N, C-alpha and C. Protein backbone atom coordinates (compact mmCIF):
# COMPACT_ATOMS: atom_id res chain seq x y z
N MET A 1 0.80 -1.30 -0.11
CA MET A 1 -0.07 0.34 -0.04
C MET A 1 0.92 1.07 0.37
N CYS A 2 1.86 1.49 1.08
CA CYS A 2 2.88 2.05 0.89
C CYS A 2 3.39 2.47 -0.11
N TYR A 3 4.01 1.66 -1.01
CA TYR A 3 4.69 1.10 -2.19
C TYR A 3 3.98 1.98 -3.18
N ALA A 4 2.56 1.57 -3.38
CA ALA A 4 1.40 2.16 -4.12
C ALA A 4 1.38 3.73 -4.26
N TYR A 5 1.20 3.88 -2.84
CA TYR A 5 1.18 5.56 -2.47
C TYR A 5 2.09 6.27 -2.86
N GLY A 6 3.35 5.76 -2.99
CA GLY A 6 4.67 6.28 -2.93
C GLY A 6 4.73 6.75 -4.62
N MET A 7 4.61 5.60 -5.35
CA MET A 7 4.72 5.63 -7.05
C MET A 7 3.65 6.90 -7.17
N ARG A 8 2.25 6.48 -6.60
CA ARG A 8 1.50 7.69 -7.39
C ARG A 8 2.00 9.26 -7.17
N SER A 9 2.45 9.03 -5.48
CA SER A 9 3.20 10.56 -5.24
C SER A 9 4.58 11.15 -6.42
N ILE A 10 5.07 9.83 -6.89
CA ILE A 10 6.34 10.32 -7.54
C ILE A 10 5.46 10.82 -8.89
N ARG A 11 4.64 9.88 -9.13
CA ARG A 11 3.95 10.50 -11.06
C ARG A 11 3.37 11.84 -10.48
N GLY A 12 3.01 11.80 -9.54
CA GLY A 12 2.25 13.22 -9.20
C GLY A 12 3.16 14.56 -9.44
N ASN A 13 4.57 14.12 -8.68
CA ASN A 13 5.30 15.25 -8.59
C ASN A 13 6.00 15.33 -10.30
N CYS A 14 5.92 14.24 -11.14
CA CYS A 14 6.42 14.30 -12.31
C CYS A 14 5.52 15.36 -13.20
N LEU A 15 4.66 14.79 -12.92
CA LEU A 15 3.36 15.43 -13.89
C LEU A 15 3.51 17.31 -13.37
N THR A 16 3.87 17.61 -12.47
CA THR A 16 3.44 18.88 -11.85
C THR A 16 4.93 19.27 -12.60
N LEU A 17 5.79 18.69 -12.69
CA LEU A 17 6.94 19.39 -13.19
C LEU A 17 7.35 19.28 -14.37
N THR A 18 6.21 18.60 -15.33
CA THR A 18 6.09 18.65 -16.49
C THR A 18 5.06 19.60 -16.98
N VAL A 19 4.31 19.88 -16.50
CA VAL A 19 3.64 21.16 -16.56
C VAL A 19 4.06 22.44 -16.28
N THR A 20 4.64 22.54 -15.01
CA THR A 20 5.65 23.70 -14.87
C THR A 20 6.35 23.96 -15.98
N LEU A 21 7.31 23.16 -16.51
CA LEU A 21 7.84 23.02 -18.00
C LEU A 21 7.36 23.53 -19.41
N VAL A 22 6.17 23.22 -19.57
CA VAL A 22 5.26 23.26 -20.44
C VAL A 22 4.89 25.14 -20.53
N LEU A 23 4.35 25.08 -19.33
CA LEU A 23 3.87 26.47 -19.01
C LEU A 23 5.04 27.85 -19.26
N PHE A 24 5.62 27.36 -18.49
CA PHE A 24 6.68 28.35 -18.07
C PHE A 24 7.99 28.71 -18.70
N VAL A 25 8.72 27.34 -18.69
CA VAL A 25 10.35 27.19 -19.23
C VAL A 25 10.05 27.26 -20.83
N PHE A 26 9.36 26.38 -21.00
CA PHE A 26 9.16 26.67 -22.84
C PHE A 26 8.78 27.91 -23.29
N PRO A 27 7.64 28.40 -23.11
CA PRO A 27 7.79 29.84 -23.51
C PRO A 27 8.46 30.52 -23.32
N LEU A 28 9.57 30.68 -21.95
CA LEU A 28 10.29 31.41 -21.89
C LEU A 28 11.36 31.60 -23.49
N ALA A 29 12.04 30.04 -23.05
CA ALA A 29 13.08 29.53 -24.17
C ALA A 29 12.34 30.25 -25.82
N MET A 30 11.23 30.20 -25.95
CA MET A 30 10.49 30.56 -27.47
C MET A 30 10.53 32.03 -27.47
N ALA A 31 10.31 32.43 -26.26
CA ALA A 31 10.84 34.65 -26.68
C ALA A 31 11.97 34.37 -26.78
N GLN A 32 13.02 33.83 -25.94
CA GLN A 32 14.45 34.53 -26.25
C GLN A 32 14.65 34.14 -27.20
N GLU A 33 14.31 33.00 -28.26
CA GLU A 33 14.50 32.72 -29.29
C GLU A 33 14.15 33.85 -30.78
N GLU A 34 12.87 33.83 -30.14
CA GLU A 34 11.96 34.95 -30.90
C GLU A 34 12.60 36.50 -31.13
N ASN A 35 13.38 37.04 -29.81
CA ASN A 35 13.91 38.21 -29.69
C ASN A 35 15.36 38.29 -30.03
N ASP A 36 15.97 37.17 -30.66
CA ASP A 36 17.50 36.89 -31.08
C ASP A 36 17.43 37.10 -32.33
N PRO A 37 17.76 37.77 -32.94
CA PRO A 37 17.93 39.03 -34.40
C PRO A 37 18.28 37.68 -35.13
N THR A 38 19.30 36.95 -34.59
CA THR A 38 20.48 35.86 -35.65
C THR A 38 19.01 34.93 -36.08
N THR A 39 17.99 34.76 -35.11
CA THR A 39 17.42 33.41 -35.60
C THR A 39 15.88 33.77 -36.09
N ASP A 40 15.95 35.03 -36.50
CA ASP A 40 14.30 35.74 -36.72
C ASP A 40 14.82 36.00 -38.54
N PRO A 41 13.60 34.72 -39.06
CA PRO A 41 14.26 34.99 -40.76
C PRO A 41 13.75 36.45 -40.89
N GLU A 42 12.75 37.09 -40.91
CA GLU A 42 12.50 38.38 -41.07
C GLU A 42 13.90 39.70 -41.28
N SER A 43 14.48 39.12 -39.95
CA SER A 43 15.89 40.29 -39.88
C SER A 43 16.87 39.77 -40.88
N LEU A 44 16.98 38.77 -41.07
CA LEU A 44 17.91 38.53 -42.17
C LEU A 44 17.89 38.78 -43.96
N SER A 45 19.06 39.24 -44.42
CA SER A 45 18.80 39.70 -45.82
C SER A 45 18.90 38.07 -46.60
N LEU A 46 18.38 38.46 -47.93
CA LEU A 46 18.28 37.11 -48.83
C LEU A 46 19.58 36.14 -48.77
N GLU A 47 20.80 37.10 -48.61
CA GLU A 47 21.63 36.44 -48.87
C GLU A 47 22.29 35.70 -47.45
N GLU A 48 22.27 36.66 -46.68
CA GLU A 48 22.06 35.64 -45.02
C GLU A 48 21.51 34.25 -45.00
N LEU A 49 20.05 34.39 -45.34
CA LEU A 49 18.93 33.10 -45.23
C LEU A 49 19.92 32.35 -46.10
N TYR A 50 20.27 32.60 -47.43
CA TYR A 50 20.26 31.62 -48.17
C TYR A 50 22.21 30.98 -47.65
N LEU A 51 23.07 31.21 -47.15
CA LEU A 51 24.07 31.06 -46.81
C LEU A 51 24.01 30.51 -45.36
N SER A 52 23.12 31.02 -44.50
CA SER A 52 22.40 29.98 -43.56
C SER A 52 22.30 28.50 -43.75
N SER A 53 21.57 28.09 -44.98
CA SER A 53 21.04 26.90 -44.96
C SER A 53 21.91 26.33 -45.62
N PHE A 54 21.98 24.78 -45.76
CA PHE A 54 22.52 23.86 -46.27
C PHE A 54 22.06 23.86 -47.50
N VAL A 55 23.00 23.65 -48.76
CA VAL A 55 22.79 23.32 -50.13
C VAL A 55 23.61 22.47 -50.68
N SER A 56 23.12 21.69 -51.29
CA SER A 56 23.80 20.42 -51.71
C SER A 56 24.84 21.02 -53.17
N VAL A 57 25.70 20.37 -53.51
CA VAL A 57 26.57 20.64 -54.36
C VAL A 57 25.86 20.45 -55.65
N GLU A 58 24.68 19.46 -55.89
CA GLU A 58 24.05 19.53 -57.29
C GLU A 58 23.01 20.65 -57.22
N SER A 59 22.48 21.17 -56.10
CA SER A 59 21.45 22.25 -56.30
C SER A 59 22.19 23.55 -56.54
N LEU A 60 23.76 23.41 -56.27
CA LEU A 60 24.50 24.60 -56.28
C LEU A 60 24.87 24.88 -57.63
N ALA A 61 24.95 23.44 -58.11
CA ALA A 61 25.39 23.61 -59.77
C ALA A 61 24.45 23.85 -60.45
N GLY A 62 23.18 23.56 -60.43
CA GLY A 62 22.04 23.91 -61.02
C GLY A 62 22.01 25.32 -61.29
N GLN A 63 21.50 25.78 -59.65
CA GLN A 63 21.70 27.31 -59.65
C GLN A 63 23.05 28.43 -60.84
N ILE A 64 23.95 27.67 -60.64
CA ILE A 64 24.88 28.25 -61.46
C ILE A 64 24.64 28.22 -62.92
N GLU A 65 24.12 26.84 -63.43
CA GLU A 65 24.16 26.42 -64.93
C GLU A 65 22.69 27.30 -65.35
N PHE A 66 21.56 27.46 -64.50
CA PHE A 66 20.21 27.82 -65.24
C PHE A 66 19.96 29.28 -64.57
N GLY A 67 20.57 29.70 -63.64
CA GLY A 67 20.29 30.97 -62.47
C GLY A 67 20.86 32.32 -63.33
N GLY A 68 20.17 33.37 -63.02
CA GLY A 68 20.53 34.40 -63.40
C GLY A 68 22.04 34.95 -62.83
N PRO A 69 22.39 36.09 -63.14
CA PRO A 69 23.76 36.67 -62.63
C PRO A 69 23.60 36.71 -61.08
N GLU A 70 22.19 37.01 -60.34
CA GLU A 70 22.04 37.15 -58.94
C GLU A 70 22.07 35.81 -58.31
N VAL A 71 21.24 35.26 -58.75
CA VAL A 71 21.53 34.13 -58.40
C VAL A 71 22.83 32.85 -58.80
N GLN A 72 23.29 33.42 -59.56
CA GLN A 72 24.71 32.97 -59.92
C GLN A 72 25.79 33.32 -58.64
N GLU A 73 25.69 34.30 -58.20
CA GLU A 73 26.79 35.31 -57.72
C GLU A 73 26.58 34.36 -55.79
N LEU A 74 24.94 34.27 -55.48
CA LEU A 74 24.65 33.64 -54.32
C LEU A 74 25.31 32.17 -53.89
N ALA A 75 25.22 31.69 -55.28
CA ALA A 75 25.33 30.49 -55.28
C ALA A 75 27.01 29.78 -55.30
N LEU A 76 27.85 31.29 -55.65
CA LEU A 76 29.39 31.56 -55.79
C LEU A 76 29.75 31.65 -53.94
N ASP A 77 28.64 32.32 -53.57
CA ASP A 77 28.72 32.90 -51.89
C ASP A 77 28.91 31.84 -51.34
N SER A 78 27.63 31.05 -51.98
CA SER A 78 27.80 29.49 -50.78
C SER A 78 28.69 28.84 -50.96
N ILE A 79 29.52 28.40 -52.15
CA ILE A 79 30.22 27.78 -51.96
C ILE A 79 31.56 28.26 -51.84
N GLU A 80 31.88 29.33 -51.29
CA GLU A 80 33.10 29.64 -50.60
C GLU A 80 33.12 29.59 -49.28
N ALA A 81 31.75 30.48 -48.56
CA ALA A 81 31.74 30.37 -47.46
C ALA A 81 31.61 28.53 -46.85
N GLY A 82 31.20 27.46 -47.57
CA GLY A 82 31.16 26.46 -47.47
C GLY A 82 32.25 25.75 -47.42
N ILE A 83 33.51 25.75 -48.46
CA ILE A 83 34.45 25.60 -48.45
C ILE A 83 35.77 26.23 -47.12
N GLN A 84 35.61 27.62 -47.01
CA GLN A 84 36.14 27.90 -45.87
C GLN A 84 35.72 27.65 -44.35
N SER A 85 34.39 27.05 -44.13
CA SER A 85 33.81 26.56 -43.18
C SER A 85 34.21 25.01 -43.25
N GLY A 86 34.36 24.43 -43.87
CA GLY A 86 34.50 22.97 -43.96
C GLY A 86 33.05 22.29 -44.47
N SER A 87 32.01 23.09 -44.55
CA SER A 87 30.67 22.22 -44.89
C SER A 87 30.43 21.73 -45.84
N LEU A 88 31.74 22.35 -46.98
CA LEU A 88 31.56 21.69 -48.39
C LEU A 88 32.90 21.04 -48.40
N ASP A 89 33.00 19.79 -49.25
CA ASP A 89 34.54 19.15 -49.34
C ASP A 89 35.03 19.88 -50.55
N ARG A 90 36.10 20.52 -50.60
CA ARG A 90 36.79 21.23 -51.76
C ARG A 90 37.41 20.03 -52.49
N THR A 91 37.68 19.19 -51.89
CA THR A 91 38.05 18.35 -53.15
C THR A 91 36.64 17.50 -53.92
N ASP A 92 35.75 18.16 -53.45
CA ASP A 92 34.50 17.32 -54.22
C ASP A 92 34.34 18.05 -55.77
N GLU A 93 34.64 16.92 -56.94
CA GLU A 93 34.90 17.29 -58.16
C GLU A 93 33.68 18.04 -58.76
N GLY A 94 32.39 17.55 -57.98
CA GLY A 94 31.28 18.56 -58.42
C GLY A 94 31.42 20.14 -58.20
N LEU A 95 32.01 20.41 -57.26
CA LEU A 95 32.48 22.04 -57.32
C LEU A 95 33.32 22.47 -58.15
N TYR A 96 34.29 21.79 -58.71
CA TYR A 96 34.90 22.43 -59.56
C TYR A 96 34.49 22.17 -60.79
N ASP A 97 33.41 21.00 -61.50
CA ASP A 97 32.34 21.03 -62.36
C ASP A 97 31.51 22.28 -62.58
N ALA A 98 30.83 22.74 -61.26
CA ALA A 98 30.21 23.69 -61.20
C ALA A 98 30.53 25.07 -61.61
N VAL A 99 31.65 25.34 -60.94
CA VAL A 99 32.38 26.75 -60.72
C VAL A 99 33.04 26.74 -62.42
N GLU A 100 33.75 25.96 -62.94
CA GLU A 100 35.08 26.31 -63.90
C GLU A 100 33.96 26.73 -64.92
N PRO A 101 32.71 26.35 -65.33
CA PRO A 101 31.82 27.13 -66.95
C PRO A 101 32.04 28.43 -66.41
N LEU A 102 31.99 29.03 -65.45
CA LEU A 102 31.66 30.58 -64.95
C LEU A 102 32.98 31.22 -65.73
N VAL A 103 33.87 30.61 -65.02
CA VAL A 103 35.45 31.50 -65.71
C VAL A 103 35.40 31.32 -67.25
N ASP A 104 34.85 30.39 -67.91
CA ASP A 104 35.24 30.90 -69.41
C ASP A 104 33.90 31.20 -70.15
N ARG A 105 32.83 31.39 -69.32
CA ARG A 105 31.79 32.10 -70.26
C ARG A 105 31.73 33.24 -70.73
N GLY A 106 31.52 33.19 -72.25
CA GLY A 106 31.71 34.64 -72.93
C GLY A 106 33.15 34.90 -73.07
N VAL A 107 34.06 34.63 -73.05
CA VAL A 107 35.62 34.44 -73.29
C VAL A 107 35.75 34.60 -75.04
N ILE A 108 35.36 33.39 -75.41
CA ILE A 108 35.34 33.02 -76.93
C ILE A 108 35.14 34.23 -77.81
N GLU A 109 33.78 35.22 -77.13
CA GLU A 109 33.20 36.10 -78.04
C GLU A 109 33.92 37.10 -77.88
N ILE A 110 34.30 37.47 -76.77
CA ILE A 110 35.15 38.37 -76.36
C ILE A 110 36.62 38.62 -77.11
N ARG A 111 37.03 37.47 -77.04
CA ARG A 111 38.36 37.48 -77.47
C ARG A 111 38.19 37.80 -79.30
N SER A 112 36.96 37.25 -80.04
CA SER A 112 36.73 37.54 -81.58
C SER A 112 36.52 38.88 -81.72
N ASN A 113 36.05 39.57 -80.72
CA ASN A 113 35.34 41.18 -80.60
C ASN A 113 35.30 41.69 -79.68
N PRO A 114 36.61 42.15 -79.36
CA PRO A 114 36.74 42.88 -77.69
C PRO A 114 35.63 44.05 -77.74
N ASN A 115 35.53 44.68 -79.03
CA ASN A 115 34.88 46.16 -78.76
C ASN A 115 33.15 45.57 -78.50
N ARG A 116 32.67 44.45 -78.75
CA ARG A 116 31.23 44.50 -78.14
C ARG A 116 31.09 43.70 -76.66
N THR A 117 29.41 44.13 -76.30
CA THR A 117 29.15 43.83 -75.13
C THR A 117 28.38 42.46 -75.07
N TYR A 118 28.94 41.66 -74.18
CA TYR A 118 28.01 40.27 -74.40
C TYR A 118 27.29 40.24 -73.09
N GLU A 119 25.99 39.54 -72.97
CA GLU A 119 25.28 39.50 -71.89
C GLU A 119 25.68 38.19 -71.16
N ALA A 120 26.48 37.26 -71.80
CA ALA A 120 27.01 36.05 -71.15
C ALA A 120 28.21 36.75 -70.40
N TYR A 121 28.69 37.47 -71.17
CA TYR A 121 30.15 37.89 -70.18
C TYR A 121 30.04 38.59 -69.09
N ASP A 122 30.14 37.86 -68.07
CA ASP A 122 30.09 38.80 -66.66
C ASP A 122 31.66 39.17 -65.75
N PRO A 123 32.27 39.94 -65.64
CA PRO A 123 33.49 39.90 -65.22
C PRO A 123 33.41 39.40 -64.03
N PHE A 124 32.79 40.12 -63.21
CA PHE A 124 32.80 40.27 -61.64
C PHE A 124 32.14 38.58 -61.34
N LEU A 125 31.39 37.74 -62.22
CA LEU A 125 31.52 36.39 -61.91
C LEU A 125 32.62 35.78 -62.17
N ARG A 126 33.01 36.08 -63.34
CA ARG A 126 34.37 35.55 -63.70
C ARG A 126 35.40 35.49 -62.29
N LEU A 127 36.00 37.04 -61.89
CA LEU A 127 36.50 37.12 -61.05
C LEU A 127 36.72 36.18 -59.62
N HIS A 128 34.76 36.25 -59.42
CA HIS A 128 34.69 34.89 -58.02
C HIS A 128 35.02 33.84 -58.29
N ALA A 129 34.55 33.20 -59.40
CA ALA A 129 34.75 31.96 -60.08
C ALA A 129 36.23 31.70 -60.11
N THR A 130 36.90 32.57 -60.46
CA THR A 130 38.47 32.38 -60.40
C THR A 130 38.98 32.27 -58.60
N ARG A 131 38.30 33.08 -57.98
CA ARG A 131 38.85 33.33 -56.65
C ARG A 131 38.75 31.87 -55.89
N ILE A 132 37.62 31.28 -56.47
CA ILE A 132 37.11 29.91 -55.58
C ILE A 132 37.85 28.54 -55.84
N LEU A 133 38.50 28.72 -57.27
CA LEU A 133 39.31 27.83 -57.86
C LEU A 133 40.50 27.97 -56.94
N GLY A 134 41.04 28.76 -56.49
CA GLY A 134 41.91 28.77 -55.46
C GLY A 134 41.64 28.17 -54.66
N LEU A 135 40.46 28.60 -53.88
CA LEU A 135 40.10 27.70 -52.58
C LEU A 135 39.75 26.44 -52.99
N ILE A 136 39.36 26.28 -54.15
CA ILE A 136 39.26 24.21 -54.01
C ILE A 136 40.45 23.52 -54.21
N GLY A 137 41.73 24.37 -55.12
CA GLY A 137 42.83 23.76 -55.05
C GLY A 137 42.90 22.61 -55.50
N THR A 138 42.70 21.74 -56.26
CA THR A 138 42.89 20.46 -56.71
C THR A 138 43.58 20.64 -57.85
N HIS A 139 44.23 19.24 -58.19
CA HIS A 139 44.94 19.82 -59.67
C HIS A 139 44.27 20.19 -60.66
N ARG A 140 43.07 19.53 -60.82
CA ARG A 140 42.20 20.30 -62.03
C ARG A 140 42.36 22.16 -61.74
N ALA A 141 42.17 22.35 -60.60
CA ALA A 141 41.57 23.73 -60.66
C ALA A 141 43.19 24.56 -60.36
N ARG A 142 44.26 23.74 -60.06
CA ARG A 142 45.62 24.48 -60.39
C ARG A 142 46.14 24.53 -61.81
N SER A 143 45.50 23.70 -62.57
CA SER A 143 45.79 23.53 -63.81
C SER A 143 44.68 24.75 -64.56
N LYS A 144 43.90 24.77 -64.29
CA LYS A 144 43.06 25.86 -64.81
C LYS A 144 43.03 27.10 -64.69
N LEU A 145 44.11 27.31 -63.14
CA LEU A 145 44.63 28.68 -63.05
C LEU A 145 45.81 29.13 -63.80
N VAL A 146 46.70 28.17 -64.05
CA VAL A 146 47.93 28.45 -64.70
C VAL A 146 47.36 28.79 -66.15
N SER A 147 46.28 28.47 -66.78
CA SER A 147 45.95 28.70 -67.83
C SER A 147 45.46 29.75 -67.94
N LEU A 148 44.53 30.19 -67.06
CA LEU A 148 43.95 31.60 -66.73
C LEU A 148 44.92 32.60 -66.54
N ALA A 149 46.36 32.13 -66.02
CA ALA A 149 47.42 33.37 -65.68
C ALA A 149 47.82 33.36 -67.26
N LEU A 150 48.42 32.30 -68.01
CA LEU A 150 48.93 32.77 -69.42
C LEU A 150 48.21 33.15 -69.84
N ASN A 151 46.93 32.89 -70.13
CA ASN A 151 45.91 32.86 -71.40
C ASN A 151 44.89 33.84 -71.60
N ASP A 152 44.20 34.16 -70.10
CA ASP A 152 42.97 34.99 -70.29
C ASP A 152 43.11 36.31 -70.72
N PRO A 153 42.64 36.77 -71.44
CA PRO A 153 42.17 38.36 -71.72
C PRO A 153 42.55 39.25 -71.01
N GLU A 154 41.53 38.80 -69.76
CA GLU A 154 41.61 39.92 -68.69
C GLU A 154 42.56 40.19 -67.92
N PRO A 155 43.43 41.14 -67.84
CA PRO A 155 44.61 41.45 -66.46
C PRO A 155 44.09 40.83 -65.39
N GLN A 156 43.09 41.24 -64.51
CA GLN A 156 42.37 41.44 -63.47
C GLN A 156 42.16 39.50 -63.24
N VAL A 157 41.50 39.07 -64.15
CA VAL A 157 41.32 37.66 -64.24
C VAL A 157 42.93 36.71 -63.98
N GLN A 158 43.96 37.54 -64.73
CA GLN A 158 45.22 36.60 -64.46
C GLN A 158 45.87 36.84 -63.18
N VAL A 159 45.76 38.09 -62.51
CA VAL A 159 45.71 38.43 -61.45
C VAL A 159 45.21 37.81 -60.18
N GLU A 160 43.88 37.33 -60.30
CA GLU A 160 42.95 36.52 -59.56
C GLU A 160 43.82 35.33 -59.55
N ALA A 161 43.89 34.74 -60.66
CA ALA A 161 44.52 33.40 -60.91
C ALA A 161 46.19 33.21 -60.32
N LEU A 162 46.76 34.32 -60.59
CA LEU A 162 47.90 33.95 -59.66
C LEU A 162 48.21 33.73 -58.66
N TYR A 163 47.08 34.91 -57.68
CA TYR A 163 46.79 34.79 -56.57
C TYR A 163 46.08 33.30 -55.71
N GLY A 164 45.36 33.02 -56.83
CA GLY A 164 44.84 31.76 -56.53
C GLY A 164 45.96 30.45 -56.45
N LEU A 165 47.04 30.39 -57.44
CA LEU A 165 48.13 29.53 -57.52
C LEU A 165 48.95 29.83 -56.02
N ALA A 166 49.12 30.97 -55.79
CA ALA A 166 49.65 31.75 -54.36
C ALA A 166 48.83 30.63 -53.29
N GLU A 167 47.39 30.70 -53.20
CA GLU A 167 46.53 30.30 -52.29
C GLU A 167 46.72 28.58 -52.51
N ILE A 168 46.92 28.09 -53.51
CA ILE A 168 47.29 26.67 -53.86
C ILE A 168 48.53 26.37 -52.80
N ALA A 169 49.48 27.33 -53.40
CA ALA A 169 50.89 26.95 -53.02
C ALA A 169 51.37 25.63 -53.14
N SER A 170 51.38 25.14 -54.47
CA SER A 170 52.07 23.66 -54.75
C SER A 170 52.69 23.79 -55.94
N ASP A 171 53.84 23.11 -56.02
CA ASP A 171 54.28 23.18 -57.46
C ASP A 171 55.42 21.65 -57.70
N PRO A 172 54.79 20.75 -57.10
CA PRO A 172 55.76 19.44 -57.29
C PRO A 172 56.76 19.57 -58.11
N ASP A 173 56.51 20.02 -59.14
CA ASP A 173 57.01 19.23 -60.54
C ASP A 173 57.89 20.82 -61.21
N GLY A 174 57.48 21.99 -60.48
CA GLY A 174 58.31 23.13 -61.38
C GLY A 174 57.36 23.82 -62.47
N GLU A 175 56.44 22.98 -62.43
CA GLU A 175 55.51 23.56 -63.72
C GLU A 175 54.80 25.06 -63.73
N VAL A 176 53.91 25.07 -62.40
CA VAL A 176 53.73 26.44 -62.22
C VAL A 176 54.53 27.65 -62.00
N THR A 177 55.54 27.75 -61.58
CA THR A 177 56.90 28.69 -61.53
C THR A 177 57.10 28.51 -62.84
N ARG A 178 57.12 27.38 -63.75
CA ARG A 178 57.83 27.98 -65.25
C ARG A 178 56.80 28.76 -66.11
N SER A 179 55.34 28.37 -65.47
CA SER A 179 54.32 28.99 -66.37
C SER A 179 54.47 30.68 -66.02
N ILE A 180 54.39 30.99 -64.45
CA ILE A 180 54.87 32.29 -63.83
C ILE A 180 55.80 32.95 -64.69
N ALA A 181 57.01 32.35 -64.87
CA ALA A 181 57.99 32.79 -65.45
C ALA A 181 57.74 33.33 -66.71
N ARG A 182 56.82 32.74 -67.71
CA ARG A 182 56.06 33.41 -68.85
C ARG A 182 55.16 34.20 -68.66
N VAL A 183 54.49 34.30 -68.00
CA VAL A 183 53.83 35.09 -67.37
C VAL A 183 54.82 36.36 -67.18
N LEU A 184 55.34 36.60 -66.48
CA LEU A 184 56.42 38.00 -66.24
C LEU A 184 57.37 38.20 -67.60
N PHE A 185 57.81 37.00 -68.10
CA PHE A 185 58.66 37.29 -69.63
C PHE A 185 57.58 38.47 -70.45
N GLU A 186 56.01 37.83 -70.60
CA GLU A 186 55.31 38.25 -71.71
C GLU A 186 54.89 39.67 -70.99
N GLU A 187 55.02 40.01 -69.74
CA GLU A 187 54.50 41.39 -68.93
C GLU A 187 55.71 42.29 -69.22
N ARG A 188 56.89 41.55 -69.34
CA ARG A 188 57.95 42.61 -69.86
C ARG A 188 58.21 42.87 -71.24
N SER A 189 57.73 42.26 -72.14
CA SER A 189 57.68 41.93 -73.73
C SER A 189 56.90 42.75 -74.51
N GLY A 190 55.53 42.98 -73.44
CA GLY A 190 54.23 43.37 -74.31
C GLY A 190 53.81 45.07 -73.45
N ASN A 191 52.56 44.88 -73.17
CA ASN A 191 52.05 46.29 -72.65
C ASN A 191 52.37 45.55 -70.87
N PRO A 192 52.97 46.01 -70.09
CA PRO A 192 53.43 45.96 -68.49
C PRO A 192 51.53 46.14 -67.73
N HIS A 193 51.65 45.45 -66.94
CA HIS A 193 50.60 45.27 -66.03
C HIS A 193 51.00 45.13 -64.76
N GLN A 194 51.01 46.28 -64.04
CA GLN A 194 51.85 46.39 -62.94
C GLN A 194 51.19 45.05 -61.28
N GLU A 195 50.06 45.36 -61.55
CA GLU A 195 49.57 44.22 -60.70
C GLU A 195 49.55 42.61 -60.89
N THR A 196 49.62 42.52 -62.50
CA THR A 196 50.08 41.49 -62.54
C THR A 196 51.35 40.94 -62.40
N SER A 197 52.09 41.51 -62.44
CA SER A 197 53.69 41.28 -61.95
C SER A 197 53.74 41.31 -60.68
N PHE A 198 53.30 42.15 -59.98
CA PHE A 198 53.11 41.72 -58.42
C PHE A 198 52.55 40.78 -58.20
N ALA A 199 51.62 40.07 -58.36
CA ALA A 199 50.84 38.96 -58.33
C ALA A 199 51.77 38.10 -58.67
N ALA A 200 52.36 37.91 -59.68
CA ALA A 200 53.17 36.94 -60.30
C ALA A 200 54.18 36.67 -59.14
N ALA A 201 54.95 37.88 -58.58
CA ALA A 201 56.11 37.97 -57.57
C ALA A 201 55.61 37.27 -56.35
N VAL A 202 54.45 37.67 -56.12
CA VAL A 202 53.91 36.86 -54.63
C VAL A 202 53.77 35.60 -54.82
N ALA A 203 53.25 34.73 -55.72
CA ALA A 203 52.84 33.56 -56.16
C ALA A 203 53.93 32.68 -55.95
N VAL A 204 55.05 33.20 -56.70
CA VAL A 204 56.63 32.58 -56.57
C VAL A 204 56.98 32.40 -55.24
N ALA A 205 56.67 33.76 -54.73
CA ALA A 205 57.59 33.99 -53.08
C ALA A 205 56.86 32.60 -52.24
N VAL A 206 55.55 32.67 -52.07
CA VAL A 206 54.35 31.70 -51.50
C VAL A 206 54.88 30.52 -51.88
N ILE A 207 55.38 30.00 -52.80
CA ILE A 207 55.45 28.83 -53.46
C ILE A 207 57.06 28.05 -52.88
N ALA A 208 57.53 28.96 -53.06
CA ALA A 208 58.97 29.10 -52.54
C ALA A 208 59.27 28.88 -50.94
N GLU A 209 57.99 29.07 -50.17
CA GLU A 209 58.27 28.83 -48.83
C GLU A 209 58.33 27.25 -48.64
N ASP A 210 57.67 26.64 -49.38
CA ASP A 210 57.55 25.09 -49.03
C ASP A 210 58.92 24.22 -49.89
N PRO A 211 59.64 23.74 -48.96
CA PRO A 211 60.95 23.21 -49.52
C PRO A 211 59.87 21.64 -50.29
N ALA A 212 58.88 21.09 -50.54
CA ALA A 212 58.66 20.35 -51.20
C ALA A 212 58.47 20.76 -52.67
N ASN A 213 58.43 22.09 -52.76
CA ASN A 213 58.14 22.55 -54.38
C ASN A 213 59.49 23.12 -55.16
N VAL A 214 59.47 22.91 -56.34
CA VAL A 214 60.02 22.93 -57.20
C VAL A 214 60.19 24.61 -57.57
N ILE A 215 60.87 24.85 -57.60
CA ILE A 215 61.29 26.33 -58.35
C ILE A 215 61.88 26.22 -59.56
N HIS A 216 61.00 26.49 -60.37
CA HIS A 216 61.76 26.49 -61.91
C HIS A 216 63.03 27.44 -62.16
N ASP A 217 63.78 26.76 -62.95
CA ASP A 217 65.23 28.04 -62.76
C ASP A 217 64.69 29.38 -63.27
N SER A 218 64.20 29.18 -64.28
CA SER A 218 63.77 30.71 -65.03
C SER A 218 63.25 31.68 -64.12
N VAL A 219 62.69 31.63 -62.92
CA VAL A 219 62.15 32.46 -61.91
C VAL A 219 63.52 32.49 -60.90
N ARG A 220 64.35 31.72 -60.51
CA ARG A 220 65.41 32.23 -59.92
C ARG A 220 65.95 33.59 -59.81
């Protein structure tokens, strides 16, 4: 009898505690969350909302392929933030496949007729995509950045590519610094672009810091 009474007493106390939590503690927690501007969707910009949610690589690739410039820029922002935070695997080949087409979009048309304006050509998106290639840092990304540094018609893209090579800071066979030497040679023999020469020097200096890298004789 005492045992049964004791169990009823415990159950009664538990029920009282549960009711207390529901009536007082939970509303307080919800009120604090509602008053926190970081959790209120209405207080966040579209970009902050976009970056605060997890988006798959496949979804980002689709937004880059089919979206307009604003959507593409948001997708690039999300990729950049994801790589830096570690929520996206920079070695995922899907990231490179998503970003790389933006780097080349409209370049063929610009080369054939530089005096025309092409809707597909967006220099800001190209610069952003080039910067992300440096964060991706895979062999394919490094090869693409070397190609951009050597051949891109836009000096600013060349500069961003050189800084991307400095970000990766890998040259196990000397091919990267050999290519940078070609950039410097063409700068001296053609129309010099001071920022390109500076970025090339920075890339060589950063790569040379790692004793595992091979520095080509042409830049010594």
